[in-house]
Protein backbone atom coordinates (compact mmCIF):
# COMPACT_ATOMS: atom_id res chain seq x y z
CA UNK A 1 144.49 102.83 35.59
CA UNK A 2 144.98 101.29 38.91
CA UNK A 3 144.67 97.81 40.10
CA UNK A 4 141.28 96.62 41.41
CA UNK A 5 141.30 95.47 44.96
CA UNK A 6 141.23 92.11 45.41
CA UNK A 7 137.76 90.99 46.94
CA UNK A 8 138.60 88.52 50.13
CA UNK A 9 135.61 86.06 50.04
CA UNK A 10 135.05 85.84 53.91
CA UNK A 11 133.62 89.15 53.32
CA UNK A 12 131.02 88.27 50.73
CA UNK A 13 127.39 87.68 52.35
CA UNK A 14 126.41 83.95 51.99
CA UNK A 15 123.12 84.31 52.12
CA UNK A 16 122.40 86.69 48.62
CA UNK A 17 124.15 83.53 46.27
CA UNK A 18 121.40 82.03 46.14
CA UNK A 19 118.53 84.56 44.75
CA UNK A 20 115.43 82.06 44.92
CA UNK A 21 115.99 81.68 48.75
CA UNK A 22 116.79 85.47 49.26
CA UNK A 23 113.54 86.61 47.32
CA UNK A 24 111.48 83.99 49.19
CA UNK A 25 112.96 85.07 52.30
CA UNK A 26 112.06 89.06 51.24
CA UNK A 27 108.75 87.99 50.69
CA UNK A 28 108.23 86.31 53.79
CA UNK A 29 109.57 89.20 56.05
CA UNK A 30 107.01 91.85 53.88
CA UNK A 31 104.16 89.15 55.23
CA UNK A 32 105.03 89.46 58.53
CA UNK A 33 103.16 92.28 60.34
CA UNK A 34 105.63 95.20 61.51
CA UNK A 35 106.52 95.03 65.37
CA UNK A 36 104.37 97.02 67.64
CA UNK A 37 106.24 99.95 69.02
CA UNK A 38 106.87 99.25 72.99
CA UNK A 39 104.73 101.68 75.52
CA UNK A 40 102.29 103.42 73.14
CA UNK A 41 99.86 103.90 75.95
CA UNK A 42 99.41 107.74 77.30
CA UNK A 43 101.31 106.55 80.52
CA UNK A 44 104.22 105.02 78.75
CA UNK A 45 105.80 101.84 79.47
CA UNK A 46 106.26 102.33 83.52
CA UNK A 47 104.50 99.43 85.06
CA UNK A 48 104.58 102.22 87.97
CA UNK A 49 102.86 105.23 86.11
CA UNK A 50 99.60 104.83 87.43
CA UNK A 51 100.74 104.84 90.97
CA UNK A 52 102.89 107.45 90.21
CA UNK A 53 100.30 109.95 88.64
CA UNK A 54 97.63 108.99 91.37
CA UNK A 55 100.61 110.53 94.28
CA UNK A 56 100.79 113.30 92.31
CA UNK A 57 97.10 114.25 91.78
CA UNK A 58 96.61 113.79 95.62
CA UNK A 59 99.53 116.13 96.59
CA UNK A 60 98.06 118.73 93.99
CA UNK A 61 94.88 118.25 95.72
CA UNK A 62 96.07 118.42 99.12
CA UNK A 63 98.36 121.66 98.35
CA UNK A 64 95.05 123.30 96.87
CA UNK A 65 92.66 122.02 99.44
CA UNK A 66 94.52 122.75 102.89
CA UNK A 67 94.75 126.09 102.90
CA UNK A 68 91.11 126.07 102.50
CA UNK A 69 90.45 124.77 105.11
CA UNK A 70 93.25 126.53 107.49
CA UNK A 71 91.40 129.67 107.18
C-alpha cells in the first residue's frame, strides 16, 4: 500500500470545524427566501423594451397601411 497524501492545514475549510455554527448557518440559509430571477417580465430586463416594441409595431403598421392609401 502506498502512503496517504499529507493534508495541508491551509487547504481545510475552517468554517466547517464548528458543527453547531455550520448547522445554524445552513438553517438560516434555508429560511431565507430564494432570490427572484432578474427580468422575469414578458419584455425582459431591458428598460427600453417597451419603446422598441412600440417602434416596431408602428413600423409594421405603417408598412401595412401605407400601400392601402397609395392605390
